[in-house]
Amino acid sequence: MADQHPGKPRKLRTSVKGPLMFSAFWAVVAFVAVLIFASGGSARAPRFDLAFTAAGIAFIVTLVIAAMLSMSYKENAEHLGKGSGVNLSSAPKASPHGGSGSQTPPAPGDGIDGTPQR
């Protein structure tokens, strides 16, 4: 609600048009589907009563879901997009023992301290 300014149009996320159009679309889809499948074939009369009932239910359910999702939307904090995370660089890491991180591994057959093994 803090985004709203008097005299300016609202964004699609905060306006009422988006959820209403979304719900109306699914209501039409439900109406057509039930009208076709509930009649049981072309020899019988179409069931408009069931089609209108399904369209109403679809409209209400999708409108409630869209309203709940739009109310739960929250912008991320500004500092989260600044790139101050961990592991941003692929540069070699410093050794935990204070070295430069470019130690050579012991040759095969050498011990941990570099002495030859028998």
PDB file of N, CA and C in Angstrom:
ATOM      1  N   MET A   1       0.807  -1.195   0.000  1.00  0.00           N
ATOM      2  CA  MET A   1       0.000   0.000   0.000  1.00  0.00           C
ATOM      3  C   MET A   1       0.852   1.261   0.000  1.00  0.00           C
ATOM      4  N   ALA A   2       2.142   1.105   0.323  1.00  0.00           N
ATOM      5  CA  ALA A   2       3.012   2.268   0.340  1.00  0.00           C
ATOM      6  C   ALA A   2       3.373   2.715  -1.066  1.00  0.00           C
ATOM      7  N   ASP A   3       3.180   1.838  -2.069  1.00  0.00           N
ATOM      8  CA  ASP A   3       3.524   2.165  -3.450  1.00  0.00           C
ATOM      9  C   ASP A   3       2.518   3.107  -4.091  1.00  0.00           C
ATOM     10  N   GLN A   4       1.347   3.246  -3.516  1.00  0.00           N
ATOM     11  CA  GLN A   4       0.267   3.975  -4.168  1.00  0.00           C
ATOM     12  C   GLN A   4       0.455   5.479  -4.056  1.00  0.00           C
ATOM     13  N   HIS A   5       0.242   6.150  -5.180  1.00  0.00           N
ATOM     14  CA  HIS A   5       0.307   7.602  -5.228  1.00  0.00           C
ATOM     15  C   HIS A   5      -0.997   8.090  -5.832  1.00  0.00           C
ATOM     16  N   PRO A   6      -1.619   9.117  -5.259  1.00  0.00           N
ATOM     17  CA  PRO A   6      -2.877   9.599  -5.802  1.00  0.00           C
ATOM     18  C   PRO A   6      -2.706  10.161  -7.212  1.00  0.00           C
ATOM     19  N   GLY A   7      -3.607   9.814  -8.098  1.00  0.00           N
ATOM     20  CA  GLY A   7      -3.595  10.327  -9.450  1.00  0.00           C
ATOM     21  C   GLY A   7      -2.762   9.530 -10.431  1.00  0.00           C
ATOM     22  N   LYS A   8      -1.975   8.569  -9.952  1.00  0.00           N
ATOM     23  CA  LYS A   8      -1.144   7.749 -10.836  1.00  0.00           C
ATOM     24  C   LYS A   8      -1.747   6.353 -10.920  1.00  0.00           C
ATOM     25  N   PRO A   9      -1.646   5.715 -12.096  1.00  0.00           N
ATOM     26  CA  PRO A   9      -2.167   4.346 -12.194  1.00  0.00           C
ATOM     27  C   PRO A   9      -1.321   3.377 -11.380  1.00  0.00           C
ATOM     28  N   ARG A  10      -1.968   2.356 -10.872  1.00  0.00           N
ATOM     29  CA  ARG A  10      -1.271   1.364 -10.059  1.00  0.00           C
ATOM     30  C   ARG A  10      -0.505   0.396 -10.941  1.00  0.00           C
ATOM     31  N   LYS A  11       0.489  -0.248 -10.334  1.00  0.00           N
ATOM     32  CA  LYS A  11       1.206  -1.313 -11.021  1.00  0.00           C
ATOM     33  C   LYS A  11       0.279  -2.515 -11.153  1.00  0.00           C
ATOM     34  N   LEU A  12       0.602  -3.426 -12.067  1.00  0.00           N
ATOM     35  CA  LEU A  12      -0.245  -4.587 -12.290  1.00  0.00           C
ATOM     36  C   LEU A  12      -0.333  -5.448 -11.038  1.00  0.00           C
ATOM     37  N   ARG A  13       0.747  -5.493 -10.250  1.00  0.00           N
ATOM     38  CA  ARG A  13       0.741  -6.316  -9.054  1.00  0.00           C
ATOM     39  C   ARG A  13      -0.188  -5.748  -7.981  1.00  0.00           C
ATOM     40  N   THR A  14      -0.329  -4.438  -7.898  1.00  0.00           N
ATOM     41  CA  THR A  14      -1.168  -3.847  -6.859  1.00  0.00           C
ATOM     42  C   THR A  14      -2.546  -3.458  -7.384  1.00  0.00           C
ATOM     43  N   SER A  15      -2.789  -3.635  -8.689  1.00  0.00           N
ATOM     44  CA  SER A  15      -4.100  -3.276  -9.213  1.00  0.00           C
ATOM     45  C   SER A  15      -5.062  -4.451  -9.089  1.00  0.00           C
ATOM     46  N   VAL A  16      -6.310  -4.182  -9.383  1.00  0.00           N
ATOM     47  CA  VAL A  16      -7.346  -5.194  -9.280  1.00  0.00           C
ATOM     48  C   VAL A  16      -7.537  -5.903 -10.614  1.00  0.00           C
ATOM     49  N   LYS A  17      -7.110  -5.292 -11.693  1.00  0.00           N
ATOM     50  CA  LYS A  17      -7.354  -5.844 -13.022  1.00  0.00           C
ATOM     51  C   LYS A  17      -6.687  -7.193 -13.237  1.00  0.00           C
ATOM     52  N   GLY A  18      -5.470  -7.356 -12.790  1.00  0.00           N
ATOM     53  CA  GLY A  18      -4.731  -8.593 -13.015  1.00  0.00           C
ATOM     54  C   GLY A  18      -5.425  -9.821 -12.464  1.00  0.00           C
ATOM     55  N   PRO A  19      -5.725  -9.854 -11.153  1.00  0.00           N
ATOM     56  CA  PRO A  19      -6.418 -11.024 -10.611  1.00  0.00           C
ATOM     57  C   PRO A  19      -7.813 -11.230 -11.201  1.00  0.00           C
ATOM     58  N   LEU A  20      -8.507 -10.138 -11.536  1.00  0.00           N
ATOM     59  CA  LEU A  20      -9.836 -10.303 -12.127  1.00  0.00           C
ATOM     60  C   LEU A  20      -9.754 -10.916 -13.515  1.00  0.00           C
ATOM     61  N   MET A  21      -8.786 -10.481 -14.319  1.00  0.00           N
ATOM     62  CA  MET A  21      -8.631 -11.061 -15.654  1.00  0.00           C
ATOM     63  C   MET A  21      -8.194 -12.517 -15.563  1.00  0.00           C
ATOM     64  N   PHE A  22      -7.306 -12.814 -14.655  1.00  0.00           N
ATOM     65  CA  PHE A  22      -6.854 -14.187 -14.444  1.00  0.00           C
ATOM     66  C   PHE A  22      -8.022 -15.082 -14.047  1.00  0.00           C
ATOM     67  N   SER A  23      -8.832 -14.626 -13.117  1.00  0.00           N
ATOM     68  CA  SER A  23      -9.982 -15.407 -12.665  1.00  0.00           C
ATOM     69  C   SER A  23     -11.033 -15.542 -13.752  1.00  0.00           C
ATOM     70  N   ALA A  24     -11.257 -14.477 -14.511  1.00  0.00           N
ATOM     71  CA  ALA A  24     -12.240 -14.543 -15.590  1.00  0.00           C
ATOM     72  C   ALA A  24     -11.807 -15.530 -16.666  1.00  0.00           C
ATOM     73  N   PHE A  25     -10.527 -15.567 -16.978  1.00  0.00           N
ATOM     74  CA  PHE A  25     -10.024 -16.519 -17.967  1.00  0.00           C
ATOM     75  C   PHE A  25     -10.309 -17.954 -17.537  1.00  0.00           C
ATOM     76  N   TRP A  26      -9.982 -18.286 -16.288  1.00  0.00           N
ATOM     77  CA  TRP A  26     -10.206 -19.654 -15.825  1.00  0.00           C
ATOM     78  C   TRP A  26     -11.684 -19.961 -15.678  1.00  0.00           C
ATOM     79  N   ALA A  27     -12.504 -18.956 -15.413  1.00  0.00           N
ATOM     80  CA  ALA A  27     -13.951 -19.178 -15.362  1.00  0.00           C
ATOM     81  C   ALA A  27     -14.485 -19.524 -16.747  1.00  0.00           C
ATOM     82  N   VAL A  28     -13.991 -18.844 -17.767  1.00  0.00           N
ATOM     83  CA  VAL A  28     -14.414 -19.153 -19.146  1.00  0.00           C
ATOM     84  C   VAL A  28     -13.949 -20.542 -19.550  1.00  0.00           C
ATOM     85  N   VAL A  29     -12.731 -20.902 -19.184  1.00  0.00           N
ATOM     86  CA  VAL A  29     -12.229 -22.237 -19.496  1.00  0.00           C
ATOM     87  C   VAL A  29     -13.095 -23.297 -18.816  1.00  0.00           C
ATOM     88  N   ALA A  30     -13.425 -23.092 -17.555  1.00  0.00           N
ATOM     89  CA  ALA A  30     -14.269 -24.049 -16.838  1.00  0.00           C
ATOM     90  C   ALA A  30     -15.668 -24.105 -17.440  1.00  0.00           C
ATOM     91  N   PHE A  31     -16.223 -22.952 -17.839  1.00  0.00           N
ATOM     92  CA  PHE A  31     -17.549 -22.912 -18.453  1.00  0.00           C
ATOM     93  C   PHE A  31     -17.583 -23.737 -19.735  1.00  0.00           C
ATOM     94  N   VAL A  32     -16.612 -23.515 -20.607  1.00  0.00           N
ATOM     95  CA  VAL A  32     -16.577 -24.227 -21.887  1.00  0.00           C
ATOM     96  C   VAL A  32     -16.346 -25.718 -21.671  1.00  0.00           C
ATOM     97  N   ALA A  33     -15.441 -26.066 -20.783  1.00  0.00           N
ATOM     98  CA  ALA A  33     -15.148 -27.479 -20.543  1.00  0.00           C
ATOM     99  C   ALA A  33     -16.363 -28.213 -19.989  1.00  0.00           C
ATOM    100  N   VAL A  34     -17.024 -27.622 -19.016  1.00  0.00           N
ATOM    101  CA  VAL A  34     -18.189 -28.286 -18.432  1.00  0.00           C
ATOM    102  C   VAL A  34     -19.346 -28.305 -19.420  1.00  0.00           C
ATOM    103  N   LEU A  35     -19.514 -27.263 -20.192  1.00  0.00           N
ATOM    104  CA  LEU A  35     -20.587 -27.232 -21.191  1.00  0.00           C
ATOM    105  C   LEU A  35     -20.400 -28.351 -22.217  1.00  0.00           C
ATOM    106  N   ILE A  36     -19.172 -28.605 -22.602  1.00  0.00           N
ATOM    107  CA  ILE A  36     -18.907 -29.657 -23.595  1.00  0.00           C
ATOM    108  C   ILE A  36     -19.012 -31.049 -22.971  1.00  0.00           C
ATOM    109  N   PHE A  37     -18.380 -31.254 -21.840  1.00  0.00           N
ATOM    110  CA  PHE A  37     -18.281 -32.601 -21.290  1.00  0.00           C
ATOM    111  C   PHE A  37     -19.479 -33.019 -20.446  1.00  0.00           C
ATOM    112  N   ALA A  38     -20.245 -32.088 -19.893  1.00  0.00           N
ATOM    113  CA  ALA A  38     -21.368 -32.468 -19.037  1.00  0.00           C
ATOM    114  C   ALA A  38     -22.602 -32.865 -19.834  1.00  0.00           C
ATOM    115  N   SER A  39     -22.678 -32.458 -21.091  1.00  0.00           N
ATOM    116  CA  SER A  39     -23.869 -32.800 -21.876  1.00  0.00           C
ATOM    117  C   SER A  39     -23.863 -34.274 -22.267  1.00  0.00           C
ATOM    118  N   GLY A  40     -22.714 -34.871 -22.423  1.00  0.00           N
ATOM    119  CA  GLY A  40     -22.650 -36.291 -22.732  1.00  0.00           C
ATOM    120  C   GLY A  40     -22.788 -36.606 -24.206  1.00  0.00           C
ATOM    121  N   GLY A  41     -22.573 -35.670 -25.050  1.00  0.00           N
ATOM    122  CA  GLY A  41     -22.643 -35.919 -26.491  1.00  0.00           C
ATOM    123  C   GLY A  41     -23.467 -34.864 -27.192  1.00  0.00           C
ATOM    124  N   SER A  42     -23.442 -34.898 -28.515  1.00  0.00           N
ATOM    125  CA  SER A  42     -24.144 -33.860 -29.275  1.00  0.00           C
ATOM    126  C   SER A  42     -25.643 -34.131 -29.404  1.00  0.00           C
ATOM    127  N   ALA A  43     -26.103 -35.319 -29.074  1.00  0.00           N
ATOM    128  CA  ALA A  43     -27.523 -35.639 -29.185  1.00  0.00           C
ATOM    129  C   ALA A  43     -28.322 -35.078 -28.008  1.00  0.00           C
ATOM    130  N   ARG A  44     -27.656 -34.705 -26.949  1.00  0.00           N
ATOM    131  CA  ARG A  44     -28.346 -34.199 -25.753  1.00  0.00           C
ATOM    132  C   ARG A  44     -28.196 -32.687 -25.658  1.00  0.00           C
ATOM    133  N   ALA A  45     -29.058 -32.093 -24.867  1.00  0.00           N
ATOM    134  CA  ALA A  45     -29.034 -30.636 -24.679  1.00  0.00           C
ATOM    135  C   ALA A  45     -27.840 -30.254 -23.800  1.00  0.00           C
ATOM    136  N   PRO A  46     -27.205 -29.105 -24.103  1.00  0.00           N
ATOM    137  CA  PRO A  46     -26.073 -28.668 -23.253  1.00  0.00           C
ATOM    138  C   PRO A  46     -26.551 -28.309 -21.852  1.00  0.00           C
ATOM    139  N   ARG A  47     -25.695 -28.588 -20.875  1.00  0.00           N
ATOM    140  CA  ARG A  47     -26.039 -28.339 -19.465  1.00  0.00           C
ATOM    141  C   ARG A  47     -25.494 -26.985 -19.037  1.00  0.00           C
ATOM    142  N   PHE A  48     -26.276 -25.934 -19.309  1.00  0.00           N
ATOM    143  CA  PHE A  48     -25.837 -24.582 -18.948  1.00  0.00           C
ATOM    144  C   PHE A  48     -25.827 -24.368 -17.442  1.00  0.00           C
ATOM    145  N   ASP A  49     -26.705 -25.058 -16.726  1.00  0.00           N
ATOM    146  CA  ASP A  49     -26.731 -24.893 -15.272  1.00  0.00           C
ATOM    147  C   ASP A  49     -25.423 -25.351 -14.639  1.00  0.00           C
ATOM    148  N   LEU A  50     -24.922 -26.499 -15.089  1.00  0.00           N
ATOM    149  CA  LEU A  50     -23.642 -26.978 -14.553  1.00  0.00           C
ATOM    150  C   LEU A  50     -22.474 -26.113 -15.022  1.00  0.00           C
ATOM    151  N   ALA A  51     -22.564 -25.626 -16.252  1.00  0.00           N
ATOM    152  CA  ALA A  51     -21.485 -24.800 -16.789  1.00  0.00           C
ATOM    153  C   ALA A  51     -21.372 -23.481 -16.022  1.00  0.00           C
ATOM    154  N   PHE A  52     -22.511 -22.835 -15.741  1.00  0.00           N
ATOM    155  CA  PHE A  52     -22.475 -21.581 -14.970  1.00  0.00           C
ATOM    156  C   PHE A  52     -22.010 -21.825 -13.537  1.00  0.00           C
ATOM    157  N   THR A  53     -22.408 -22.957 -12.955  1.00  0.00           N
ATOM    158  CA  THR A  53     -21.958 -23.284 -11.598  1.00  0.00           C
ATOM    159  C   THR A  53     -20.444 -23.492 -11.564  1.00  0.00           C
ATOM    160  N   ALA A  54     -19.921 -24.231 -12.529  1.00  0.00           N
ATOM    161  CA  ALA A  54     -18.474 -24.470 -12.576  1.00  0.00           C
ATOM    162  C   ALA A  54     -17.713 -23.170 -12.827  1.00  0.00           C
ATOM    163  N   ALA A  55     -18.254 -22.320 -13.694  1.00  0.00           N
ATOM    164  CA  ALA A  55     -17.589 -21.041 -13.966  1.00  0.00           C
ATOM    165  C   ALA A  55     -17.561 -20.168 -12.708  1.00  0.00           C
ATOM    166  N   GLY A  56     -18.640 -20.134 -11.966  1.00  0.00           N
ATOM    167  CA  GLY A  56     -18.675 -19.357 -10.730  1.00  0.00           C
ATOM    168  C   GLY A  56     -17.697 -19.867  -9.691  1.00  0.00           C
ATOM    169  N   ILE A  57     -17.644 -21.179  -9.549  1.00  0.00           N
ATOM    170  CA  ILE A  57     -16.710 -21.763  -8.584  1.00  0.00           C
ATOM    171  C   ILE A  57     -15.269 -21.483  -9.005  1.00  0.00           C
ATOM    172  N   ALA A  58     -14.969 -21.674 -10.279  1.00  0.00           N
ATOM    173  CA  ALA A  58     -13.605 -21.422 -10.764  1.00  0.00           C
ATOM    174  C   ALA A  58     -13.226 -19.960 -10.580  1.00  0.00           C
ATOM    175  N   PHE A  59     -14.159 -19.050 -10.851  1.00  0.00           N
ATOM    176  CA  PHE A  59     -13.879 -17.621 -10.694  1.00  0.00           C
ATOM    177  C   PHE A  59     -13.560 -17.280  -9.242  1.00  0.00           C
ATOM    178  N   ILE A  60     -14.388 -17.749  -8.328  1.00  0.00           N
ATOM    179  CA  ILE A  60     -14.201 -17.418  -6.907  1.00  0.00           C
ATOM    180  C   ILE A  60     -12.914 -18.025  -6.366  1.00  0.00           C
ATOM    181  N   VAL A  61     -12.661 -19.291  -6.687  1.00  0.00           N
ATOM    182  CA  VAL A  61     -11.468 -19.960  -6.154  1.00  0.00           C
ATOM    183  C   VAL A  61     -10.190 -19.309  -6.679  1.00  0.00           C
ATOM    184  N   THR A  62     -10.131 -19.043  -7.982  1.00  0.00           N
ATOM    185  CA  THR A  62      -8.916 -18.424  -8.512  1.00  0.00           C
ATOM    186  C   THR A  62      -8.752 -16.988  -8.043  1.00  0.00           C
ATOM    187  N   LEU A  63      -9.845 -16.287  -7.827  1.00  0.00           N
ATOM    188  CA  LEU A  63      -9.747 -14.918  -7.313  1.00  0.00           C
ATOM    189  C   LEU A  63      -9.215 -14.912  -5.883  1.00  0.00           C
ATOM    190  N   VAL A  64      -9.675 -15.830  -5.059  1.00  0.00           N
ATOM    191  CA  VAL A  64      -9.187 -15.913  -3.675  1.00  0.00           C
ATOM    192  C   VAL A  64      -7.707 -16.289  -3.654  1.00  0.00           C
ATOM    193  N   ILE A  65      -7.316 -17.250  -4.485  1.00  0.00           N
ATOM    194  CA  ILE A  65      -5.904 -17.657  -4.523  1.00  0.00           C
ATOM    195  C   ILE A  65      -5.027 -16.511  -5.015  1.00  0.00           C
ATOM    196  N   ALA A  66      -5.450 -15.815  -6.065  1.00  0.00           N
ATOM    197  CA  ALA A  66      -4.665 -14.689  -6.586  1.00  0.00           C
ATOM    198  C   ALA A  66      -4.569 -13.569  -5.549  1.00  0.00           C
ATOM    199  N   ALA A  67      -5.638 -13.325  -4.818  1.00  0.00           N
ATOM    200  CA  ALA A  67      -5.602 -12.281  -3.786  1.00  0.00           C
ATOM    201  C   ALA A  67      -4.658 -12.660  -2.652  1.00  0.00           C
ATOM    202  N   MET A  68      -4.684 -13.919  -2.252  1.00  0.00           N
ATOM    203  CA  MET A  68      -3.784 -14.352  -1.182  1.00  0.00           C
ATOM    204  C   MET A  68      -2.324 -14.277  -1.621  1.00  0.00           C
ATOM    205  N   LEU A  69      -2.050 -14.658  -2.868  1.00  0.00           N
ATOM    206  CA  LEU A  69      -0.674 -14.588  -3.353  1.00  0.00           C
ATOM    207  C   LEU A  69      -0.192 -13.144  -3.497  1.00  0.00           C
ATOM    208  N   SER A  70      -1.067 -12.252  -3.937  1.00  0.00           N
ATOM    209  CA  SER A  70      -0.650 -10.857  -4.082  1.00  0.00           C
ATOM    210  C   SER A  70      -0.469 -10.179  -2.729  1.00  0.00           C
ATOM    211  N   MET A  71      -1.213 -10.606  -1.717  1.00  0.00           N
ATOM    212  CA  MET A  71      -1.022 -10.035  -0.375  1.00  0.00           C
ATOM    213  C   MET A  71       0.265 -10.526   0.263  1.00  0.00           C
ATOM    214  N   SER A  72       0.713 -11.725  -0.091  1.00  0.00           N
ATOM    215  CA  SER A  72       1.919 -12.263   0.529  1.00  0.00           C
ATOM    216  C   SER A  72       3.190 -11.807  -0.177  1.00  0.00           C
ATOM    217  N   TYR A  73       3.071 -11.073  -1.272  1.00  0.00           N
ATOM    218  CA  TYR A  73       4.240 -10.600  -2.012  1.00  0.00           C
ATOM    219  C   TYR A  73       4.955  -9.520  -1.218  1.00  0.00           C
ATOM    220  N   LYS A  74       6.288  -9.613  -1.177  1.00  0.00           N
ATOM    221  CA  LYS A  74       7.088  -8.625  -0.458  1.00  0.00           C
ATOM    222  C   LYS A  74       8.387  -8.408  -1.215  1.00  0.00           C
ATOM    223  N   GLU A  75       8.767  -7.165  -1.423  1.00  0.00           N
ATOM    224  CA  GLU A  75      10.008  -6.841  -2.114  1.00  0.00           C
ATOM    225  C   GLU A  75      11.202  -7.280  -1.265  1.00  0.00           C
ATOM    226  N   ASN A  76      12.278  -7.665  -1.930  1.00  0.00           N
ATOM    227  CA  ASN A  76      13.522  -7.976  -1.228  1.00  0.00           C
ATOM    228  C   ASN A  76      14.160  -6.690  -0.737  1.00  0.00           C
ATOM    229  N   ALA A  77      14.950  -6.820   0.306  1.00  0.00           N
ATOM    230  CA  ALA A  77      15.684  -5.668   0.822  1.00  0.00           C
ATOM    231  C   ALA A  77      16.698  -5.215  -0.224  1.00  0.00           C
ATOM    232  N   GLU A  78      16.999  -3.936  -0.252  1.00  0.00           N
ATOM    233  CA  GLU A  78      17.876  -3.367  -1.276  1.00  0.00           C
ATOM    234  C   GLU A  78      19.297  -3.915  -1.194  1.00  0.00           C
ATOM    235  N   HIS A  79      19.770  -4.195   0.027  1.00  0.00           N
ATOM    236  CA  HIS A  79      21.146  -4.652   0.174  1.00  0.00           C
ATOM    237  C   HIS A  79      21.351  -6.079  -0.331  1.00  0.00           C
ATOM    238  N   LEU A  80      20.285  -6.842  -0.556  1.00  0.00           N
ATOM    239  CA  LEU A  80      20.434  -8.221  -1.006  1.00  0.00           C
ATOM    240  C   LEU A  80      20.879  -8.317  -2.461  1.00  0.00           C
ATOM    241  N   GLY A  81      20.661  -7.297  -3.248  1.00  0.00           N
ATOM    242  CA  GLY A  81      21.049  -7.337  -4.644  1.00  0.00           C
ATOM    243  C   GLY A  81      22.380  -6.667  -4.939  1.00  0.00           C
ATOM    244  N   LYS A  82      23.160  -6.346  -3.940  1.00  0.00           N
ATOM    245  CA  LYS A  82      24.403  -5.613  -4.144  1.00  0.00           C
ATOM    246  C   LYS A  82      25.583  -6.507  -4.467  1.00  0.00           C
ATOM    247  N   GLY A  83      25.490  -7.811  -4.329  1.00  0.00           N
ATOM    248  CA  GLY A  83      26.603  -8.695  -4.641  1.00  0.00           C
ATOM    249  C   GLY A  83      27.631  -8.786  -3.549  1.00  0.00           C
ATOM    250  N   SER A  84      27.208  -8.775  -2.305  1.00  0.00           N
ATOM    251  CA  SER A  84      28.148  -8.856  -1.191  1.00  0.00           C
ATOM    252  C   SER A  84      28.150 -10.246  -0.581  1.00  0.00           C
ATOM    253  N   GLY A  85      27.847 -11.244  -1.385  1.00  0.00           N
ATOM    254  CA  GLY A  85      27.759 -12.606  -0.876  1.00  0.00           C
ATOM    255  C   GLY A  85      29.114 -13.276  -0.761  1.00  0.00           C
ATOM    256  N   VAL A  86      29.079 -14.548  -0.452  1.00  0.00           N
ATOM    257  CA  VAL A  86      30.280 -15.343  -0.270  1.00  0.00           C
ATOM    258  C   VAL A  86      30.653 -15.976  -1.606  1.00  0.00           C
ATOM    259  N   ASN A  87      31.918 -16.227  -1.812  1.00  0.00           N
ATOM    260  CA  ASN A  87      32.453 -16.913  -2.994  1.00  0.00           C
ATOM    261  C   ASN A  87      32.158 -16.152  -4.282  1.00  0.00           C
ATOM    262  N   LEU A  88      32.388 -14.861  -4.286  1.00  0.00           N
ATOM    263  CA  LEU A  88      32.195 -14.081  -5.492  1.00  0.00           C
ATOM    264  C   LEU A  88      33.393 -14.188  -6.424  1.00  0.00           C
ATOM    265  N   SER A  89      34.549 -14.538  -5.895  1.00  0.00           N
ATOM    266  CA  SER A  89      35.770 -14.569  -6.680  1.00  0.00           C
ATOM    267  C   SER A  89      36.250 -16.003  -6.821  1.00  0.00           C
ATOM    268  N   SER A  90      36.845 -16.308  -7.966  1.00  0.00           N
ATOM    269  CA  SER A  90      37.411 -17.642  -8.151  1.00  0.00           C
ATOM    270  C   SER A  90      38.916 -17.624  -7.933  1.00  0.00           C
ATOM    271  N   ALA A  91      39.434 -16.576  -7.310  1.00  0.00           N
ATOM    272  CA  ALA A  91      40.864 -16.475  -7.018  1.00  0.00           C
ATOM    273  C   ALA A  91      41.232 -17.536  -5.996  1.00  0.00           C
ATOM    274  N   PRO A  92      42.502 -17.967  -5.976  1.00  0.00           N
ATOM    275  CA  PRO A  92      42.912 -18.990  -5.006  1.00  0.00           C
ATOM    276  C   PRO A  92      42.733 -18.484  -3.579  1.00  0.00           C
ATOM    277  N   LYS A  93      42.262 -19.354  -2.773  1.00  0.00           N
ATOM    278  CA  LYS A  93      42.016 -19.009  -1.372  1.00  0.00           C
ATOM    279  C   LYS A  93      43.327 -19.078  -0.579  1.00  0.00           C
ATOM    280  N   ALA A  94      43.414 -18.276   0.460  1.00  0.00           N
ATOM    281  CA  ALA A  94      44.588 -18.282   1.335  1.00  0.00           C
ATOM    282  C   ALA A  94      44.589 -19.559   2.158  1.00  0.00           C
ATOM    283  N   SER A  95      45.771 -20.066   2.441  1.00  0.00           N
ATOM    284  CA  SER A  95      45.901 -21.265   3.243  1.00  0.00           C
ATOM    285  C   SER A  95      45.511 -20.955   4.685  1.00  0.00           C
ATOM    286  N   PRO A  96      44.882 -21.878   5.375  1.00  0.00           N
ATOM    287  CA  PRO A  96      44.524 -21.604   6.769  1.00  0.00           C
ATOM    288  C   PRO A  96      45.732 -21.535   7.686  1.00  0.00           C
ATOM    289  N   HIS A  97      46.942 -21.961   7.194  1.00  0.00           N
ATOM    290  CA  HIS A  97      48.147 -21.917   8.019  1.00  0.00           C
ATOM    291  C   HIS A  97      48.969 -20.674   7.773  1.00  0.00           C
ATOM    292  N   GLY A  98      48.417 -19.725   7.062  1.00  0.00           N
ATOM    293  CA  GLY A  98      49.121 -18.480   6.847  1.00  0.00           C
ATOM    294  C   GLY A  98      49.951 -18.441   5.589  1.00  0.00           C
ATOM    295  N   GLY A  99      49.964 -19.493   4.801  1.00  0.00           N
ATOM    296  CA  GLY A  99      50.743 -19.518   3.571  1.00  0.00           C
ATOM    297  C   GLY A  99      50.016 -18.777   2.459  1.00  0.00           C
ATOM    298  N   SER A 100      50.618 -18.777   1.283  1.00  0.00           N
ATOM    299  CA  SER A 100      50.015 -18.064   0.160  1.00  0.00           C
ATOM    300  C   SER A 100      48.969 -18.909  -0.548  1.00  0.00           C
ATOM    301  N   GLY A 101      48.825 -20.158  -0.206  1.00  0.00           N
ATOM    302  CA  GLY A 101      47.831 -21.008  -0.823  1.00  0.00           C
ATOM    303  C   GLY A 101      48.347 -21.766  -2.019  1.00  0.00           C
ATOM    304  N   SER A 102      49.612 -21.592  -2.397  1.00  0.00           N
ATOM    305  CA  SER A 102      50.155 -22.271  -3.575  1.00  0.00           C
ATOM    306  C   SER A 102      51.214 -23.289  -3.151  1.00  0.00           C
ATOM    307  N   GLN A 103      50.894 -24.168  -2.244  1.00  0.00           N
ATOM    308  CA  GLN A 103      51.821 -25.190  -1.819  1.00  0.00           C
ATOM    309  C   GLN A 103      51.773 -26.352  -2.793  1.00  0.00           C
ATOM    310  N   THR A 104      52.925 -26.994  -2.988  1.00  0.00           N
ATOM    311  CA  THR A 104      52.941 -28.155  -3.871  1.00  0.00           C
ATOM    312  C   THR A 104      52.589 -29.386  -3.062  1.00  0.00           C
ATOM    313  N   PRO A 105      51.786 -30.265  -3.633  1.00  0.00           N
ATOM    314  CA  PRO A 105      51.419 -31.469  -2.882  1.00  0.00           C
ATOM    315  C   PRO A 105      52.612 -32.409  -2.784  1.00  0.00           C
ATOM    316  N   PRO A 106      52.665 -33.256  -1.765  1.00  0.00           N
ATOM    317  CA  PRO A 106      53.787 -34.192  -1.642  1.00  0.00           C
ATOM    318  C   PRO A 106      53.780 -35.185  -2.800  1.00  0.00           C
ATOM    319  N   ALA A 107      54.990 -35.595  -3.200  1.00  0.00           N
ATOM    320  CA  ALA A 107      55.109 -36.551  -4.299  1.00  0.00           C
ATOM    321  C   ALA A 107      54.581 -37.903  -3.853  1.00  0.00           C
ATOM    322  N   PRO A 108      54.175 -38.740  -4.788  1.00  0.00           N
ATOM    323  CA  PRO A 108      53.694 -40.070  -4.400  1.00  0.00           C
ATOM    324  C   PRO A 108      54.797 -40.849  -3.703  1.00  0.00           C
ATOM    325  N   GLY A 109      54.423 -41.476  -2.633  1.00  0.00           N
ATOM    326  CA  GLY A 109      55.397 -42.235  -1.856  1.00  0.00           C
ATOM    327  C   GLY A 109      55.980 -41.432  -0.721  1.00  0.00           C
ATOM    328  N   ASP A 110      55.792 -40.135  -0.705  1.00  0.00           N
ATOM    329  CA  ASP A 110      56.295 -39.305   0.389  1.00  0.00           C
ATOM    330  C   ASP A 110      55.275 -39.297   1.514  1.00  0.00           C
ATOM    331  N   GLY A 111      55.747 -39.106   2.698  1.00  0.00           N
ATOM    332  CA  GLY A 111      54.877 -38.992   3.851  1.00  0.00           C
ATOM    333  C   GLY A 111      54.251 -37.610   3.915  1.00  0.00           C
ATOM    334  N   ILE A 112      53.492 -37.372   4.933  1.00  0.00           N
ATOM    335  CA  ILE A 112      52.812 -36.092   5.098  1.00  0.00           C
ATOM    336  C   ILE A 112      53.823 -34.966   5.286  1.00  0.00           C
ATOM    337  N   ASP A 113      54.915 -35.266   5.997  1.00  0.00           N
ATOM    338  CA  ASP A 113      55.918 -34.224   6.244  1.00  0.00           C
ATOM    339  C   ASP A 113      56.995 -34.183   5.178  1.00  0.00           C
ATOM    340  N   GLY A 114      56.858 -34.985   4.083  1.00  0.00           N
ATOM    341  CA  GLY A 114      57.801 -34.933   2.990  1.00  0.00           C
ATOM    342  C   GLY A 114      58.899 -35.978   3.060  1.00  0.00           C
ATOM    343  N   THR A 115      58.953 -36.789   4.123  1.00  0.00           N
ATOM    344  CA  THR A 115      59.973 -37.825   4.230  1.00  0.00           C
ATOM    345  C   THR A 115      59.554 -39.060   3.431  1.00  0.00           C
ATOM    346  N   PRO A 116      60.515 -39.725   2.799  1.00  0.00           N
ATOM    347  CA  PRO A 116      60.161 -40.914   2.001  1.00  0.00           C
ATOM    348  C   PRO A 116      59.621 -42.030   2.871  1.00  0.00           C
ATOM    349  N   GLN A 117      58.607 -42.706   2.358  1.00  0.00           N
ATOM    350  CA  GLN A 117      58.028 -43.839   3.091  1.00  0.00           C
ATOM    351  C   GLN A 117      58.683 -45.122   2.640  1.00  0.00           C
ATOM    352  N   ARG A 118      58.705 -46.112   3.467  1.00  0.00           N
ATOM    353  CA  ARG A 118      59.337 -47.387   3.125  1.00  0.00           C
ATOM    354  C   ARG A 118      58.315 -48.425   2.869  1.00  0.00           C
TER     355      ARG A 118
END
